[in-house]
Amino acid sequence: MSADAATGDETSSSAFLTGLEFLTGPDPNAGSFLLVVGIVTCMFIAVFQLALSPPVSNLLTGAVLVVAIISFILGAILDMLGHFDAESTET
């Protein structure tokens, strides 16, 4: 009975990871995911710091950093779930 439960968990996890493919592409890589998050974070911070006045730019920069930290945590969770190690099923 525990073997059936393990198989059910594996298929639900696989379905969940397959559903995330639209975010990470057909052949995901943890390094590229984190690099994109870092580049986007730097670009938003640069634009906010150069284009807006100090109180507003500081507030928006803080918000961008919070979103970046959440994205890095999401990347770590996806890596622990094996999403970045999964082989592509497309031919």
N, C-alpha and C. Protein backbone atom coordinates (compact mmCIF):
# COMPACT_ATOMS: atom_id res chain seq x y z
N MET A 1 0.82 -1.17 0.00
CA MET A 1 0.00 0.00 0.00
C MET A 1 0.88 1.26 0.00
N SER A 2 2.01 1.21 0.68
CA SER A 2 2.89 2.37 0.68
C SER A 2 3.53 2.56 -0.69
N ALA A 3 3.71 1.48 -1.45
CA ALA A 3 4.26 1.61 -2.80
C ALA A 3 3.31 2.37 -3.70
N ASP A 4 1.98 2.12 -3.52
CA ASP A 4 0.99 2.86 -4.30
C ASP A 4 1.01 4.34 -3.93
N ALA A 5 1.17 4.65 -2.67
CA ALA A 5 1.22 6.04 -2.23
C ALA A 5 2.46 6.73 -2.78
N ALA A 6 3.58 6.03 -2.81
CA ALA A 6 4.81 6.61 -3.35
C ALA A 6 4.66 6.87 -4.84
N THR A 7 4.02 5.95 -5.56
CA THR A 7 3.81 6.12 -6.99
C THR A 7 2.87 7.30 -7.25
N GLY A 8 1.84 7.43 -6.43
CA GLY A 8 0.92 8.56 -6.56
C GLY A 8 1.59 9.89 -6.31
N ASP A 9 2.47 9.94 -5.30
CA ASP A 9 3.20 11.17 -5.01
C ASP A 9 4.14 11.52 -6.16
N GLU A 10 4.77 10.48 -6.74
CA GLU A 10 5.71 10.72 -7.83
C GLU A 10 4.99 11.27 -9.06
N THR A 11 3.81 10.74 -9.37
CA THR A 11 3.09 11.22 -10.55
C THR A 11 2.54 12.62 -10.33
N SER A 12 2.09 12.93 -9.10
CA SER A 12 1.59 14.28 -8.85
C SER A 12 2.72 15.29 -8.88
N SER A 13 3.90 14.92 -8.36
CA SER A 13 5.06 15.80 -8.41
C SER A 13 5.50 16.00 -9.85
N SER A 14 5.47 14.93 -10.65
CA SER A 14 5.85 15.03 -12.05
C SER A 14 4.88 15.93 -12.80
N ALA A 15 3.60 15.83 -12.52
CA ALA A 15 2.61 16.68 -13.18
C ALA A 15 2.81 18.13 -12.77
N PHE A 16 3.14 18.36 -11.51
CA PHE A 16 3.40 19.73 -11.04
C PHE A 16 4.60 20.32 -11.75
N LEU A 17 5.68 19.55 -11.84
CA LEU A 17 6.90 20.05 -12.49
C LEU A 17 6.69 20.24 -13.98
N THR A 18 5.87 19.40 -14.62
CA THR A 18 5.58 19.56 -16.03
C THR A 18 4.78 20.85 -16.26
N GLY A 19 3.93 21.19 -15.30
CA GLY A 19 3.15 22.41 -15.41
C GLY A 19 3.99 23.67 -15.30
N LEU A 20 5.16 23.57 -14.68
CA LEU A 20 6.05 24.73 -14.56
C LEU A 20 6.94 24.92 -15.76
N GLU A 21 6.82 24.06 -16.76
CA GLU A 21 7.71 24.12 -17.91
C GLU A 21 7.56 25.42 -18.69
N PHE A 22 6.39 26.04 -18.65
CA PHE A 22 6.20 27.30 -19.38
C PHE A 22 7.03 28.43 -18.77
N LEU A 23 7.45 28.30 -17.50
CA LEU A 23 8.29 29.31 -16.88
C LEU A 23 9.78 29.11 -17.17
N THR A 24 10.21 27.87 -17.20
CA THR A 24 11.64 27.57 -17.29
C THR A 24 12.07 27.01 -18.63
N GLY A 25 11.15 26.78 -19.56
CA GLY A 25 11.50 26.25 -20.86
C GLY A 25 11.53 24.74 -20.88
N PRO A 26 11.72 24.15 -22.06
CA PRO A 26 11.67 22.68 -22.18
C PRO A 26 12.86 21.96 -21.56
N ASP A 27 14.01 22.61 -21.45
CA ASP A 27 15.20 21.98 -20.87
C ASP A 27 15.77 22.93 -19.81
N PRO A 28 15.17 22.94 -18.63
CA PRO A 28 15.54 23.94 -17.61
C PRO A 28 16.92 23.70 -17.01
N ASN A 29 17.52 24.79 -16.55
CA ASN A 29 18.83 24.75 -15.92
C ASN A 29 18.80 25.71 -14.74
N ALA A 30 19.22 25.28 -13.58
CA ALA A 30 19.17 26.12 -12.38
C ALA A 30 20.05 27.35 -12.52
N GLY A 31 21.19 27.20 -13.13
CA GLY A 31 22.09 28.34 -13.32
C GLY A 31 21.49 29.42 -14.19
N SER A 32 20.85 29.03 -15.28
CA SER A 32 20.24 30.03 -16.17
C SER A 32 19.05 30.70 -15.50
N PHE A 33 18.29 29.94 -14.72
CA PHE A 33 17.16 30.53 -13.99
C PHE A 33 17.64 31.60 -13.02
N LEU A 34 18.67 31.26 -12.23
CA LEU A 34 19.18 32.22 -11.25
C LEU A 34 19.86 33.41 -11.92
N LEU A 35 20.52 33.17 -13.07
CA LEU A 35 21.15 34.26 -13.80
C LEU A 35 20.12 35.24 -14.33
N VAL A 36 19.02 34.73 -14.87
CA VAL A 36 17.96 35.60 -15.38
C VAL A 36 17.35 36.40 -14.24
N VAL A 37 17.09 35.77 -13.10
CA VAL A 37 16.53 36.50 -11.95
C VAL A 37 17.49 37.59 -11.51
N GLY A 38 18.78 37.30 -11.47
CA GLY A 38 19.77 38.30 -11.06
C GLY A 38 19.86 39.46 -12.03
N ILE A 39 19.86 39.16 -13.33
CA ILE A 39 19.95 40.22 -14.34
C ILE A 39 18.72 41.11 -14.30
N VAL A 40 17.54 40.52 -14.22
CA VAL A 40 16.30 41.31 -14.16
C VAL A 40 16.28 42.17 -12.90
N THR A 41 16.74 41.62 -11.78
CA THR A 41 16.80 42.39 -10.54
C THR A 41 17.72 43.59 -10.70
N CYS A 42 18.90 43.38 -11.25
CA CYS A 42 19.85 44.49 -11.45
C CYS A 42 19.28 45.56 -12.37
N MET A 43 18.61 45.15 -13.43
CA MET A 43 18.06 46.12 -14.37
C MET A 43 16.97 46.97 -13.71
N PHE A 44 16.06 46.34 -12.96
CA PHE A 44 15.00 47.10 -12.28
C PHE A 44 15.59 48.06 -11.26
N ILE A 45 16.58 47.61 -10.51
CA ILE A 45 17.21 48.49 -9.50
C ILE A 45 17.88 49.67 -10.18
N ALA A 46 18.59 49.43 -11.28
CA ALA A 46 19.26 50.52 -11.99
C ALA A 46 18.26 51.54 -12.52
N VAL A 47 17.19 51.07 -13.11
CA VAL A 47 16.17 51.99 -13.65
C VAL A 47 15.52 52.78 -12.53
N PHE A 48 15.16 52.12 -11.45
CA PHE A 48 14.52 52.84 -10.34
C PHE A 48 15.46 53.86 -9.71
N GLN A 49 16.72 53.51 -9.54
CA GLN A 49 17.66 54.44 -8.90
C GLN A 49 17.99 55.63 -9.79
N LEU A 50 18.04 55.44 -11.09
CA LEU A 50 18.42 56.52 -11.99
C LEU A 50 17.23 57.39 -12.42
N ALA A 51 16.03 56.83 -12.43
CA ALA A 51 14.90 57.55 -13.00
C ALA A 51 13.99 58.21 -11.96
N LEU A 52 14.02 57.77 -10.73
CA LEU A 52 13.06 58.27 -9.74
C LEU A 52 13.77 58.98 -8.60
N SER A 53 13.01 59.78 -7.87
CA SER A 53 13.55 60.50 -6.72
C SER A 53 13.84 59.53 -5.57
N PRO A 54 14.74 59.91 -4.66
CA PRO A 54 15.22 59.00 -3.61
C PRO A 54 14.15 58.30 -2.75
N PRO A 55 13.13 58.94 -2.24
CA PRO A 55 12.22 58.14 -1.40
C PRO A 55 11.47 57.06 -2.18
N VAL A 56 11.04 57.40 -3.39
CA VAL A 56 10.30 56.43 -4.19
C VAL A 56 11.24 55.35 -4.71
N SER A 57 12.42 55.73 -5.16
CA SER A 57 13.35 54.74 -5.70
C SER A 57 13.80 53.76 -4.62
N ASN A 58 13.99 54.24 -3.41
CA ASN A 58 14.40 53.34 -2.32
C ASN A 58 13.30 52.35 -1.99
N LEU A 59 12.06 52.82 -2.00
CA LEU A 59 10.92 51.92 -1.71
C LEU A 59 10.79 50.86 -2.80
N LEU A 60 10.87 51.27 -4.06
CA LEU A 60 10.73 50.30 -5.15
C LEU A 60 11.93 49.36 -5.23
N THR A 61 13.11 49.84 -4.89
CA THR A 61 14.29 48.97 -4.85
C THR A 61 14.13 47.90 -3.78
N GLY A 62 13.62 48.29 -2.64
CA GLY A 62 13.35 47.30 -1.58
C GLY A 62 12.34 46.26 -2.03
N ALA A 63 11.30 46.70 -2.74
CA ALA A 63 10.30 45.76 -3.24
C ALA A 63 10.91 44.80 -4.26
N VAL A 64 11.78 45.31 -5.12
CA VAL A 64 12.45 44.45 -6.11
C VAL A 64 13.33 43.42 -5.42
N LEU A 65 14.03 43.84 -4.37
CA LEU A 65 14.88 42.89 -3.64
C LEU A 65 14.05 41.80 -2.96
N VAL A 66 12.89 42.17 -2.43
CA VAL A 66 12.02 41.16 -1.81
C VAL A 66 11.55 40.15 -2.85
N VAL A 67 11.14 40.65 -4.03
CA VAL A 67 10.69 39.74 -5.10
C VAL A 67 11.86 38.87 -5.57
N ALA A 68 13.07 39.42 -5.63
CA ALA A 68 14.23 38.62 -6.04
C ALA A 68 14.52 37.52 -5.03
N ILE A 69 14.43 37.83 -3.75
CA ILE A 69 14.67 36.80 -2.72
C ILE A 69 13.63 35.70 -2.83
N ILE A 70 12.37 36.07 -3.06
CA ILE A 70 11.31 35.07 -3.23
C ILE A 70 11.61 34.21 -4.47
N SER A 71 12.09 34.84 -5.54
CA SER A 71 12.42 34.08 -6.76
C SER A 71 13.57 33.13 -6.53
N PHE A 72 14.59 33.57 -5.78
CA PHE A 72 15.71 32.67 -5.47
C PHE A 72 15.24 31.49 -4.62
N ILE A 73 14.34 31.74 -3.68
CA ILE A 73 13.80 30.65 -2.86
C ILE A 73 13.00 29.69 -3.72
N LEU A 74 12.20 30.23 -4.67
CA LEU A 74 11.45 29.38 -5.58
C LEU A 74 12.40 28.53 -6.43
N GLY A 75 13.50 29.13 -6.89
CA GLY A 75 14.49 28.36 -7.64
C GLY A 75 15.10 27.25 -6.82
N ALA A 76 15.38 27.53 -5.55
CA ALA A 76 15.94 26.49 -4.67
C ALA A 76 14.94 25.36 -4.46
N ILE A 77 13.67 25.71 -4.30
CA ILE A 77 12.64 24.68 -4.12
C ILE A 77 12.51 23.84 -5.38
N LEU A 78 12.51 24.48 -6.55
CA LEU A 78 12.44 23.72 -7.80
C LEU A 78 13.65 22.81 -7.97
N ASP A 79 14.81 23.28 -7.54
CA ASP A 79 16.02 22.46 -7.62
C ASP A 79 15.91 21.25 -6.68
N MET A 80 15.37 21.47 -5.48
CA MET A 80 15.19 20.35 -4.55
C MET A 80 14.17 19.34 -5.08
N LEU A 81 13.16 19.82 -5.80
CA LEU A 81 12.17 18.91 -6.37
C LEU A 81 12.68 18.17 -7.61
N GLY A 82 13.86 18.57 -8.08
CA GLY A 82 14.44 17.88 -9.23
C GLY A 82 13.99 18.41 -10.56
N HIS A 83 13.39 19.61 -10.58
CA HIS A 83 12.90 20.15 -11.85
C HIS A 83 14.03 20.46 -12.82
N PHE A 84 15.15 20.92 -12.31
CA PHE A 84 16.26 21.28 -13.18
C PHE A 84 17.10 20.08 -13.59
N ASP A 85 16.89 18.93 -12.95
CA ASP A 85 17.61 17.71 -13.30
C ASP A 85 16.82 16.83 -14.23
N ALA A 86 15.53 17.13 -14.44
CA ALA A 86 14.68 16.31 -15.27
C ALA A 86 15.11 16.40 -16.73
N GLU A 87 15.07 15.27 -17.41
CA GLU A 87 15.42 15.26 -18.83
C GLU A 87 14.22 15.67 -19.64
N SER A 88 14.48 16.31 -20.76
CA SER A 88 13.41 16.77 -21.64
C SER A 88 12.71 15.57 -22.26
N THR A 89 11.36 15.63 -22.32
CA THR A 89 10.58 14.53 -22.89
C THR A 89 10.24 14.79 -24.35
N GLU A 90 10.55 15.99 -24.87
CA GLU A 90 10.24 16.29 -26.27
C GLU A 90 11.29 15.68 -27.17
N THR A 91 10.87 15.35 -28.40
CA THR A 91 11.80 14.76 -29.38
C THR A 91 12.00 15.70 -30.52
